[in-house]
C-alpha atoms as a PDB file:
ATOM      1  CA  UNK A   1      18.849   2.239  -7.246  1.00  0.00           C
ATOM      2  CA  UNK A   2      21.187   0.109  -4.782  1.00  0.00           C
ATOM      3  CA  UNK A   3      21.727   3.055  -3.002  1.00  0.00           C
ATOM      4  CA  UNK A   4      22.051   2.623   1.731  1.00  0.00           C
ATOM      5  CA  UNK A   5      19.971   5.370   3.563  1.00  0.00           C
ATOM      6  CA  UNK A   6      22.997   7.657   5.076  1.00  0.00           C
ATOM      7  CA  UNK A   7      21.963   8.753   8.776  1.00  0.00           C
ATOM      8  CA  UNK A   8      20.486  12.097   9.011  1.00  0.00           C
ATOM      9  CA  UNK A   9      19.909  13.350  12.199  1.00  0.00           C
ATOM     10  CA  UNK A  10      21.179  10.582  15.594  1.00  0.00           C
ATOM     11  CA  UNK A  11      18.342   9.753  17.667  1.00  0.00           C
ATOM     12  CA  UNK A  12      17.649   7.321  19.936  1.00  0.00           C
ATOM     13  CA  UNK A  13      13.517   6.797  19.437  1.00  0.00           C
ATOM     14  CA  UNK A  14      11.976   3.444  20.051  1.00  0.00           C
ATOM     15  CA  UNK A  15       9.631   3.004  16.786  1.00  0.00           C
ATOM     16  CA  UNK A  16      10.053   6.674  14.913  1.00  0.00           C
ATOM     17  CA  UNK A  17       7.210   6.810  12.970  1.00  0.00           C
ATOM     18  CA  UNK A  18       4.691   8.989  10.579  1.00  0.00           C
ATOM     19  CA  UNK A  19       7.685  11.565   9.656  1.00  0.00           C
ATOM     20  CA  UNK A  20       6.594  14.960   7.837  1.00  0.00           C
ATOM     21  CA  UNK A  21       8.472  17.848   6.120  1.00  0.00           C
ATOM     22  CA  UNK A  22       7.008  20.950   5.892  1.00  0.00           C
ATOM     23  CA  UNK A  23       9.440  23.009   3.709  1.00  0.00           C
ATOM     24  CA  UNK A  24       7.839  26.280   3.802  1.00  0.00           C
ATOM     25  CA  UNK A  25       8.300  26.338   7.294  1.00  0.00           C
ATOM     26  CA  UNK A  26      11.422  25.087   7.309  1.00  0.00           C
ATOM     27  CA  UNK A  27      10.000  22.114   9.556  1.00  0.00           C
ATOM     28  CA  UNK A  28      10.596  17.890  10.218  1.00  0.00           C
ATOM     29  CA  UNK A  29       8.629  16.399  12.501  1.00  0.00           C
ATOM     30  CA  UNK A  30       8.553  12.875  13.662  1.00  0.00           C
ATOM     31  CA  UNK A  31       6.940  10.679  16.670  1.00  0.00           C
ATOM     32  CA  UNK A  32       8.647   7.949  18.913  1.00  0.00           C
ATOM     33  CA  UNK A  33       5.915   5.520  19.861  1.00  0.00           C
ATOM     34  CA  UNK A  34       6.823   4.469  22.583  1.00  0.00           C
ATOM     35  CA  UNK A  35       8.345   6.824  24.225  1.00  0.00           C
ATOM     36  CA  UNK A  36       5.208   9.640  23.817  1.00  0.00           C
ATOM     37  CA  UNK A  37       6.744  12.149  21.651  1.00  0.00           C
ATOM     38  CA  UNK A  38       6.765  14.054  19.624  1.00  0.00           C
ATOM     39  CA  UNK A  39      10.258  15.717  18.523  1.00  0.00           C
ATOM     40  CA  UNK A  40       9.591  18.884  15.484  1.00  0.00           C
ATOM     41  CA  UNK A  41      13.517  19.556  13.401  1.00  0.00           C
ATOM     42  CA  UNK A  42      14.493  22.816  12.374  1.00  0.00           C
ATOM     43  CA  UNK A  43      15.436  23.249   9.678  1.00  0.00           C
ATOM     44  CA  UNK A  44      17.920  26.470  10.292  1.00  0.00           C
ATOM     45  CA  UNK A  45      18.824  25.736  13.526  1.00  0.00           C
ATOM     46  CA  UNK A  46      19.408  22.182  12.992  1.00  0.00           C
ATOM     47  CA  UNK A  47      17.779  22.188  16.568  1.00  0.00           C
ATOM     48  CA  UNK A  48      15.919  19.719  18.144  1.00  0.00           C
ATOM     49  CA  UNK A  49      12.001  20.621  20.339  1.00  0.00           C
ATOM     50  CA  UNK A  50      10.081  17.721  22.387  1.00  0.00           C
ATOM     51  CA  UNK A  51       6.780  17.955  22.797  1.00  0.00           C
ATOM     52  CA  UNK A  52       5.660  15.522  25.473  1.00  0.00           C
ATOM     53  CA  UNK A  53       2.226  14.026  24.304  1.00  0.00           C
ATOM     54  CA  UNK A  54       1.693  11.425  28.169  1.00  0.00           C
ATOM     55  CA  UNK A  55       0.835   8.287  26.606  1.00  0.00           C
ATOM     56  CA  UNK A  56       1.589   6.262  23.474  1.00  0.00           C
ATOM     57  CA  UNK A  57       1.070   8.356  19.844  1.00  0.00           C
ATOM     58  CA  UNK A  58       0.548   6.922  16.982  1.00  0.00           C
ATOM     59  CA  UNK A  59       0.483   9.703  14.623  1.00  0.00           C
ATOM     60  CA  UNK A  60       0.946  13.163  13.111  1.00  0.00           C
ATOM     61  CA  UNK A  61      -0.423  15.185  10.568  1.00  0.00           C
ATOM     62  CA  UNK A  62      -0.387  18.857   9.927  1.00  0.00           C
ATOM     63  CA  UNK A  63      -3.007  21.113  10.695  1.00  0.00           C
ATOM     64  CA  UNK A  64      -4.814  24.096   8.117  1.00  0.00           C
ATOM     65  CA  UNK A  65      -5.593  25.971  11.298  1.00  0.00           C
ATOM     66  CA  UNK A  66      -1.989  25.437  12.543  1.00  0.00           C
ATOM     67  CA  UNK A  67      -0.569  22.990  15.071  1.00  0.00           C
ATOM     68  CA  UNK A  68      -0.563  19.544  15.099  1.00  0.00           C
ATOM     69  CA  UNK A  69      -3.639  16.751  14.854  1.00  0.00           C
ATOM     70  CA  UNK A  70      -2.218  13.423  16.618  1.00  0.00           C
ATOM     71  CA  UNK A  71      -3.672  10.053  17.355  1.00  0.00           C
ATOM     72  CA  UNK A  72      -3.139   8.413  20.529  1.00  0.00           C
ATOM     73  CA  UNK A  73      -4.389   6.093  22.956  1.00  0.00           C
ATOM     74  CA  UNK A  74      -7.360   7.257  24.386  1.00  0.00           C
ATOM     75  CA  UNK A  75      -7.929   9.014  21.373  1.00  0.00           C
ATOM     76  CA  UNK A  76      -7.757  11.827  18.863  1.00  0.00           C
ATOM     77  CA  UNK A  77      -5.889  15.725  19.352  1.00  0.00           C
ATOM     78  CA  UNK A  78      -4.935  19.176  17.907  1.00  0.00           C
ATOM     79  CA  UNK A  79      -1.977  19.867  19.208  1.00  0.00           C
ATOM     80  CA  UNK A  80      -0.316  23.082  19.707  1.00  0.00           C
ATOM     81  CA  UNK A  81       2.917  22.629  18.802  1.00  0.00           C
ATOM     82  CA  UNK A  82       4.384  26.115  20.008  1.00  0.00           C
ATOM     83  CA  UNK A  83       3.109  25.303  23.710  1.00  0.00           C
ATOM     84  CA  UNK A  84       2.922  21.105  23.771  1.00  0.00           C
ATOM     85  CA  UNK A  85      -0.965  21.573  24.974  1.00  0.00           C
ATOM     86  CA  UNK A  86      -3.187  19.323  23.783  1.00  0.00           C
ATOM     87  CA  UNK A  87      -6.436  19.757  23.606  1.00  0.00           C
ATOM     88  CA  UNK A  88      -8.989  16.272  23.067  1.00  0.00           C
ATOM     89  CA  UNK A  89     -11.489  15.724  20.464  1.00  0.00           C
ATOM     90  CA  UNK A  90     -12.848  12.446  19.790  1.00  0.00           C
ATOM     91  CA  UNK A  91     -12.619   8.773  20.188  1.00  0.00           C
ATOM     92  CA  UNK A  92     -14.149   6.669  18.850  1.00  0.00           C
ATOM     93  CA  UNK A  93     -12.877   3.434  20.513  1.00  0.00           C
ATOM     94  CA  UNK A  94     -13.857   4.476  24.008  1.00  0.00           C
ATOM     95  CA  UNK A  95     -15.140   0.875  24.460  1.00  0.00           C
ATOM     96  CA  UNK A  96     -12.401  -0.935  23.097  1.00  0.00           C
ATOM     97  CA  UNK A  97     -10.354  -1.824  25.958  1.00  0.00           C
ATOM     98  CA  UNK A  98      -6.509  -1.890  25.950  1.00  0.00           C
ATOM     99  CA  UNK A  99      -6.925   0.048  22.471  1.00  0.00           C
ATOM    100  CA  UNK A 100      -4.465   1.917  20.318  1.00  0.00           C
ATOM    101  CA  UNK A 101      -4.312   4.806  17.421  1.00  0.00           C
ATOM    102  CA  UNK A 102      -1.965   3.851  15.093  1.00  0.00           C
ATOM    103  CA  UNK A 103      -0.639   5.231  11.484  1.00  0.00           C
ATOM    104  CA  UNK A 104      -2.875   8.178   9.778  1.00  0.00           C
ATOM    105  CA  UNK A 105      -2.208  10.843   7.545  1.00  0.00           C
ATOM    106  CA  UNK A 106      -4.413  13.749   5.197  1.00  0.00           C
ATOM    107  CA  UNK A 107      -5.934  12.735   2.060  1.00  0.00           C
ATOM    108  CA  UNK A 108      -5.914  15.472  -0.761  1.00  0.00           C
ATOM    109  CA  UNK A 109      -9.226  16.731   0.317  1.00  0.00           C
ATOM    110  CA  UNK A 110      -7.993  17.728   3.925  1.00  0.00           C
ATOM    111  CA  UNK A 111      -9.641  14.750   6.159  1.00  0.00           C
ATOM    112  CA  UNK A 112      -7.880  13.276   8.685  1.00  0.00           C
ATOM    113  CA  UNK A 113      -7.659   9.049   8.053  1.00  0.00           C
ATOM    114  CA  UNK A 114      -5.990   7.356  10.637  1.00  0.00           C
ATOM    115  CA  UNK A 115      -6.250   4.415  12.169  1.00  0.00           C
ATOM    116  CA  UNK A 116      -6.375   1.619  15.480  1.00  0.00           C
ATOM    117  CA  UNK A 117      -4.718  -1.449  16.970  1.00  0.00           C
ATOM    118  CA  UNK A 118      -4.532  -3.708  19.629  1.00  0.00           C
ATOM    119  CA  UNK A 119      -1.732  -2.189  22.355  1.00  0.00           C
ATOM    120  CA  UNK A 120      -0.953  -5.761  23.090  1.00  0.00           C
ATOM    121  CA  UNK A 121       1.693  -6.011  19.508  1.00  0.00           C
ATOM    122  CA  UNK A 122       3.543  -2.641  20.341  1.00  0.00           C
ATOM    123  CA  UNK A 123       6.809  -5.252  21.076  1.00  0.00           C
ATOM    124  CA  UNK A 124       5.728  -7.243  18.386  1.00  0.00           C
ATOM    125  CA  UNK A 125       4.396 -10.113  19.956  1.00  0.00           C
ATOM    126  CA  UNK A 126       0.693 -10.806  21.150  1.00  0.00           C
ATOM    127  CA  UNK A 127      -2.802 -11.504  19.755  1.00  0.00           C
ATOM    128  CA  UNK A 128      -3.139 -10.118  17.041  1.00  0.00           C
ATOM    129  CA  UNK A 129      -6.801 -11.379  16.115  1.00  0.00           C
ATOM    130  CA  UNK A 130      -7.839  -7.914  13.916  1.00  0.00           C
ATOM    131  CA  UNK A 131      -9.255  -5.658  16.133  1.00  0.00           C
ATOM    132  CA  UNK A 132      -8.435  -2.400  14.749  1.00  0.00           C
ATOM    133  CA  UNK A 133     -10.673  -0.359  12.153  1.00  0.00           C
ATOM    134  CA  UNK A 134      -9.482   2.293   9.806  1.00  0.00           C
ATOM    135  CA  UNK A 135     -11.385   5.768  10.044  1.00  0.00           C
ATOM    136  CA  UNK A 136     -11.579   8.517   8.620  1.00  0.00           C
ATOM    137  CA  UNK A 137     -12.029  11.756  10.414  1.00  0.00           C
ATOM    138  CA  UNK A 138     -13.535  15.587   8.495  1.00  0.00           C
ATOM    139  CA  UNK A 139     -13.119  18.998   8.949  1.00  0.00           C
ATOM    140  CA  UNK A 140     -16.360  19.387  10.717  1.00  0.00           C
ATOM    141  CA  UNK A 141     -14.683  16.744  13.447  1.00  0.00           C
ATOM    142  CA  UNK A 142     -16.614  13.865  12.735  1.00  0.00           C
ATOM    143  CA  UNK A 143     -15.503  10.535  12.273  1.00  0.00           C
ATOM    144  CA  UNK A 144     -16.280   7.761  10.552  1.00  0.00           C
ATOM    145  CA  UNK A 145     -15.432   3.843  10.321  1.00  0.00           C
ATOM    146  CA  UNK A 146     -14.193   2.559   6.767  1.00  0.00           C
ATOM    147  CA  UNK A 147     -12.683  -0.256   7.131  1.00  0.00           C
ATOM    148  CA  UNK A 148     -13.127  -3.101  10.162  1.00  0.00           C
ATOM    149  CA  UNK A 149     -10.971  -6.148  11.362  1.00  0.00           C
ATOM    150  CA  UNK A 150      -7.709  -4.194  11.020  1.00  0.00           C
ATOM    151  CA  UNK A 151      -4.466  -5.929  12.732  1.00  0.00           C
ATOM    152  CA  UNK A 152      -2.067  -3.023  12.834  1.00  0.00           C
ATOM    153  CA  UNK A 153      -3.369  -0.154  10.357  1.00  0.00           C
ATOM    154  CA  UNK A 154      -0.399   1.605   8.749  1.00  0.00           C
ATOM    155  CA  UNK A 155       0.458   2.795   5.839  1.00  0.00           C
ATOM    156  CA  UNK A 156      -1.600   5.382   3.264  1.00  0.00           C
ATOM    157  CA  UNK A 157      -0.984   6.751  -0.012  1.00  0.00           C
ATOM    158  CA  UNK A 158      -3.444   8.921  -2.672  1.00  0.00           C
ATOM    159  CA  UNK A 159      -2.113   8.773  -6.298  1.00  0.00           C
ATOM    160  CA  UNK A 160      -1.862  11.717  -8.652  1.00  0.00           C
ATOM    161  CA  UNK A 161      -5.261  11.256  -9.978  1.00  0.00           C
ATOM    162  CA  UNK A 162      -6.722  10.939  -6.557  1.00  0.00           C
ATOM    163  CA  UNK A 163      -8.816   7.965  -8.234  1.00  0.00           C
ATOM    164  CA  UNK A 164      -6.925   5.416  -5.604  1.00  0.00           C
ATOM    165  CA  UNK A 165      -6.300   5.389  -2.807  1.00  0.00           C
ATOM    166  CA  UNK A 166      -3.095   2.270  -1.106  1.00  0.00           C
ATOM    167  CA  UNK A 167      -3.446   1.210   2.520  1.00  0.00           C
ATOM    168  CA  UNK A 168      -1.503  -1.265   4.639  1.00  0.00           C
ATOM    169  CA  UNK A 169      -2.492  -3.757   7.794  1.00  0.00           C
ATOM    170  CA  UNK A 170       0.817  -5.509   8.122  1.00  0.00           C
ATOM    171  CA  UNK A 171       0.173  -8.759   9.462  1.00  0.00           C
ATOM    172  CA  UNK A 172      -1.331  -9.341   6.840  1.00  0.00           C
ATOM    173  CA  UNK A 173       2.095  -8.724   4.145  1.00  0.00           C
ATOM    174  CA  UNK A 174      -0.172  -6.804   1.738  1.00  0.00           C
ATOM    175  CA  UNK A 175      -0.331  -4.150   0.353  1.00  0.00           C
ATOM    176  CA  UNK A 176      -4.602  -2.976  -0.899  1.00  0.00           C
ATOM    177  CA  UNK A 177      -6.139  -0.011  -3.361  1.00  0.00           C
ATOM    178  CA  UNK A 178      -9.193   1.238  -3.388  1.00  0.00           C
ATOM    179  CA  UNK A 179     -11.346   3.109  -5.804  1.00  0.00           C
ATOM    180  CA  UNK A 180     -11.317   6.797  -3.620  1.00  0.00           C
ATOM    181  CA  UNK A 181     -13.550   9.468  -4.089  1.00  0.00           C
ATOM    182  CA  UNK A 182     -12.310  12.587  -3.414  1.00  0.00           C
ATOM    183  CA  UNK A 183     -15.386  14.292  -3.052  1.00  0.00           C
ATOM    184  CA  UNK A 184     -17.107  12.062  -0.933  1.00  0.00           C
ATOM    185  CA  UNK A 185     -13.903   9.899   0.659  1.00  0.00           C
ATOM    186  CA  UNK A 186     -15.530   6.696  -0.371  1.00  0.00           C
ATOM    187  CA  UNK A 187     -14.111   4.119  -0.852  1.00  0.00           C
ATOM    188  CA  UNK A 188     -15.082   0.854  -2.900  1.00  0.00           C
ATOM    189  CA  UNK A 189     -12.876  -2.074  -5.179  1.00  0.00           C
ATOM    190  CA  UNK A 190     -11.059  -3.301  -2.279  1.00  0.00           C
ATOM    191  CA  UNK A 191      -7.653  -5.260  -3.980  1.00  0.00           C
ATOM    192  CA  UNK A 192      -4.267  -6.517  -3.211  1.00  0.00           C
ATOM    193  CA  UNK A 193      -1.624  -4.794  -5.531  1.00  0.00           C
ATOM    194  CA  UNK A 194       1.295  -6.355  -3.624  1.00  0.00           C
ATOM    195  CA  UNK A 195       1.761  -8.797  -1.677  1.00  0.00           C
ATOM    196  CA  UNK A 196       5.100  -9.660   0.663  1.00  0.00           C
ATOM    197  CA  UNK A 197       4.204 -12.836   1.725  1.00  0.00           C
ATOM    198  CA  UNK A 198       7.876 -13.833   0.476  1.00  0.00           C
ATOM    199  CA  UNK A 199       9.640 -11.309   2.028  1.00  0.00           C
ATOM    200  CA  UNK A 200      11.980 -10.185   4.964  1.00  0.00           C
ATOM    201  CA  UNK A 201       9.751  -8.110   7.945  1.00  0.00           C
ATOM    202  CA  UNK A 202       6.716  -6.462   7.772  1.00  0.00           C
ATOM    203  CA  UNK A 203       5.158  -3.353   5.595  1.00  0.00           C
ATOM    204  CA  UNK A 204       4.220  -0.340   7.574  1.00  0.00           C
ATOM    205  CA  UNK A 205       3.799   3.021   6.781  1.00  0.00           C
ATOM    206  CA  UNK A 206       4.540   4.994   3.359  1.00  0.00           C
ATOM    207  CA  UNK A 207       4.621   7.322  -0.007  1.00  0.00           C
ATOM    208  CA  UNK A 208       4.201   7.655  -3.260  1.00  0.00           C
ATOM    209  CA  UNK A 209       5.939   9.738  -5.895  1.00  0.00           C
ATOM    210  CA  UNK A 210       5.327  11.952  -8.283  1.00  0.00           C
ATOM    211  CA  UNK A 211       4.997   8.480 -10.670  1.00  0.00           C
ATOM    212  CA  UNK A 212       2.699   7.079  -8.277  1.00  0.00           C
ATOM    213  CA  UNK A 213       5.648   4.597  -7.059  1.00  0.00           C
ATOM    214  CA  UNK A 214       5.211   3.187  -3.714  1.00  0.00           C
ATOM    215  CA  UNK A 215       7.829   3.837  -1.652  1.00  0.00           C
ATOM    216  CA  UNK A 216       7.041   0.697   1.438  1.00  0.00           C
ATOM    217  CA  UNK A 217       9.342   0.701   5.231  1.00  0.00           C
ATOM    218  CA  UNK A 218       9.533  -2.875   6.207  1.00  0.00           C
ATOM    219  CA  UNK A 219      10.073  -3.114   9.798  1.00  0.00           C
ATOM    220  CA  UNK A 220      12.383  -6.548  10.412  1.00  0.00           C
ATOM    221  CA  UNK A 221      13.013  -6.238   7.093  1.00  0.00           C
ATOM    222  CA  UNK A 222      16.518  -3.496   6.857  1.00  0.00           C
ATOM    223  CA  UNK A 223      14.805  -1.486   3.738  1.00  0.00           C
ATOM    224  CA  UNK A 224      12.655  -0.113   1.947  1.00  0.00           C
ATOM    225  CA  UNK A 225      11.300  -1.343  -0.898  1.00  0.00           C
ATOM    226  CA  UNK A 226      10.121   1.110  -3.956  1.00  0.00           C
ATOM    227  CA  UNK A 227       6.853  -0.684  -6.109  1.00  0.00           C
ATOM    228  CA  UNK A 228       5.097   0.023  -9.155  1.00  0.00           C
ATOM    229  CA  UNK A 229       1.156  -1.248  -8.008  1.00  0.00           C
ATOM    230  CA  UNK A 230       0.663  -0.509 -11.564  1.00  0.00           C
ATOM    231  CA  UNK A 231       2.165  -3.745 -12.551  1.00  0.00           C
ATOM    232  CA  UNK A 232       2.435  -5.107  -8.923  1.00  0.00           C
ATOM    233  CA  UNK A 233       6.337  -4.974  -9.081  1.00  0.00           C
ATOM    234  CA  UNK A 234       9.067  -4.341  -7.072  1.00  0.00           C
ATOM    235  CA  UNK A 235      11.681  -1.891  -8.776  1.00  0.00           C
ATOM    236  CA  UNK A 236      14.212  -1.651  -6.808  1.00  0.00           C
ATOM    237  CA  UNK A 237      15.128  -1.427  -2.369  1.00  0.00           C
ATOM    238  CA  UNK A 238      17.435   0.878  -0.282  1.00  0.00           C
ATOM    239  CA  UNK A 239      18.862  -0.141   2.003  1.00  0.00           C
ATOM    240  CA  UNK A 240      18.678   1.097   5.670  1.00  0.00           C
ATOM    241  CA  UNK A 241      20.466   0.905   8.621  1.00  0.00           C
ATOM    242  CA  UNK A 242      18.752  -0.139  11.001  1.00  0.00           C
ATOM    243  CA  UNK A 243      16.615  -3.308  10.959  1.00  0.00           C
ATOM    244  CA  UNK A 244      13.384  -1.037  12.282  1.00  0.00           C
ATOM    245  CA  UNK A 245      12.501  -0.074  10.023  1.00  0.00           C
ATOM    246  CA  UNK A 246       9.100   1.943  10.066  1.00  0.00           C
ATOM    247  CA  UNK A 247       8.043   4.704   7.950  1.00  0.00           C
ATOM    248  CA  UNK A 248       9.547   6.940   5.083  1.00  0.00           C
ATOM    249  CA  UNK A 249       8.320  10.552   3.612  1.00  0.00           C
ATOM    250  CA  UNK A 250       9.839  12.862   0.835  1.00  0.00           C
ATOM    251  CA  UNK A 251      11.455  16.201   2.304  1.00  0.00           C
ATOM    252  CA  UNK A 252      13.975  19.459   2.015  1.00  0.00           C
ATOM    253  CA  UNK A 253      12.870  22.209  -0.297  1.00  0.00           C
ATOM    254  CA  UNK A 254      11.934  20.683  -2.880  1.00  0.00           C
ATOM    255  CA  UNK A 255      11.292  17.432  -1.756  1.00  0.00           C
ATOM    256  CA  UNK A 256      12.796  15.613  -3.856  1.00  0.00           C
ATOM    257  CA  UNK A 257      15.184  13.744  -0.212  1.00  0.00           C
ATOM    258  CA  UNK A 258      13.639  10.529   1.096  1.00  0.00           C
ATOM    259  CA  UNK A 259      13.277  10.786   5.250  1.00  0.00           C
ATOM    260  CA  UNK A 260      13.678   7.380   6.886  1.00  0.00           C
ATOM    261  CA  UNK A 261      12.410   7.058  10.404  1.00  0.00           C
ATOM    262  CA  UNK A 262      13.544   3.588  12.089  1.00  0.00           C
ATOM    263  CA  UNK A 263      13.371   2.692  15.856  1.00  0.00           C
ATOM    264  CA  UNK A 264      15.874   1.070  18.287  1.00  0.00           C
ATOM    265  CA  UNK A 265      13.255  -1.723  19.754  1.00  0.00           C
ATOM    266  CA  UNK A 266      14.718  -5.104  20.161  1.00  0.00           C
ATOM    267  CA  UNK A 267      17.905  -3.979  18.600  1.00  0.00           C
ATOM    268  CA  UNK A 268      21.256  -4.886  18.711  1.00  0.00           C
ATOM    269  CA  UNK A 269      22.620  -1.738  19.450  1.00  0.00           C
ATOM    270  CA  UNK A 270      26.780  -3.610  18.393  1.00  0.00           C
ATOM    271  CA  UNK A 271      25.438  -4.046  15.497  1.00  0.00           C
ATOM    272  CA  UNK A 272      22.478  -1.138  14.731  1.00  0.00           C
ATOM    273  CA  UNK A 273      24.005   1.591  16.315  1.00  0.00           C
ATOM    274  CA  UNK A 274      22.025   3.962  14.166  1.00  0.00           C
ATOM    275  CA  UNK A 275      18.974   2.089  15.037  1.00  0.00           C
ATOM    276  CA  UNK A 276      16.105   5.023  16.561  1.00  0.00           C
ATOM    277  CA  UNK A 277      17.562   7.369  14.094  1.00  0.00           C
ATOM    278  CA  UNK A 278      16.394   9.483  10.940  1.00  0.00           C
ATOM    279  CA  UNK A 279      18.040   8.241   7.903  1.00  0.00           C
ATOM    280  CA  UNK A 280      18.254  10.393   3.780  1.00  0.00           C
ATOM    281  CA  UNK A 281      18.820   8.954   0.560  1.00  0.00           C
ATOM    282  CA  UNK A 282      17.877  11.310  -2.534  1.00  0.00           C
ATOM    283  CA  UNK A 283      16.244   9.403  -5.425  1.00  0.00           C
ATOM    284  CA  UNK A 284      15.800   9.998  -9.433  1.00  0.00           C
ATOM    285  CA  UNK A 285      12.528  11.046  -8.586  1.00  0.00           C
ATOM    286  CA  UNK A 286      10.389  13.479  -5.399  1.00  0.00           C
ATOM    287  CA  UNK A 287       7.118  13.461  -3.953  1.00  0.00           C
ATOM    288  CA  UNK A 288       4.757  17.121  -2.228  1.00  0.00           C
ATOM    289  CA  UNK A 289       4.137  18.348   0.203  1.00  0.00           C
ATOM    290  CA  UNK A 290       2.062  16.766   2.627  1.00  0.00           C
ATOM    291  CA  UNK A 291      -1.893  18.053   2.830  1.00  0.00           C
ATOM    292  CA  UNK A 292      -3.148  19.746   6.274  1.00  0.00           C
ATOM    293  CA  UNK A 293      -6.535  18.440   7.944  1.00  0.00           C
ATOM    294  CA  UNK A 294      -8.645  21.356   7.244  1.00  0.00           C
ATOM    295  CA  UNK A 295     -10.486  21.476  10.387  1.00  0.00           C
END
């Protein structure tokens, strides 16, 4: 491929994350973690509206009943995107000091998977003792811990057969896979499918295409790496004109474009003047619409 992503939306995100394209509604959502904002791009007008969450926000996902579900510092919330109102649901880590929720995504059955991390690691520095975890929220609102002793919970993806889940704990520089039961949300048989110890940057957010290959953002690496998890092979790279590449998602009317969020945190803005913006590339493969939370 050897392509470079182009500027799609000029922004100043400190850490732009969890992009979601809702083609049916003509909206593109993404967040800025450290600025505590949800951004909503209207495809019809090109306008960007902003919702201030009042605290650092780690992730969002669409909700079948409308609006969003979000992971913030002090728990999980519903977000009314029309009014900006936040409604608290629960916090399984209310007794853990200085943690916050980070990346999250809905699975094929409409459950919300969300992980946590220590806030001391927000700048990429600090004690990397694994104080976080990965949780699954069911439609009835109860949460279950699925993975313990996580440092920075990040990328999630499920394959088209809905029998494998991929997951990233960023400081390990590994992508692991689990056997996944779509009916019960059970995950078993953990194994490493990629070890990026010799690569620049750390694996962050990721998405999956219709060929079941992964598109992995490398924070500090300036690239999206296109990877085949069955072969354990890096197939190609997409260069991004920003070093802090945080996440990617398929979008556009047919989900055949890749949208990439980045951060401006600790970046030489003279060298990378568009850092913190959203970029786009047109690969030779597409993705699918995002799953929505059924609660």
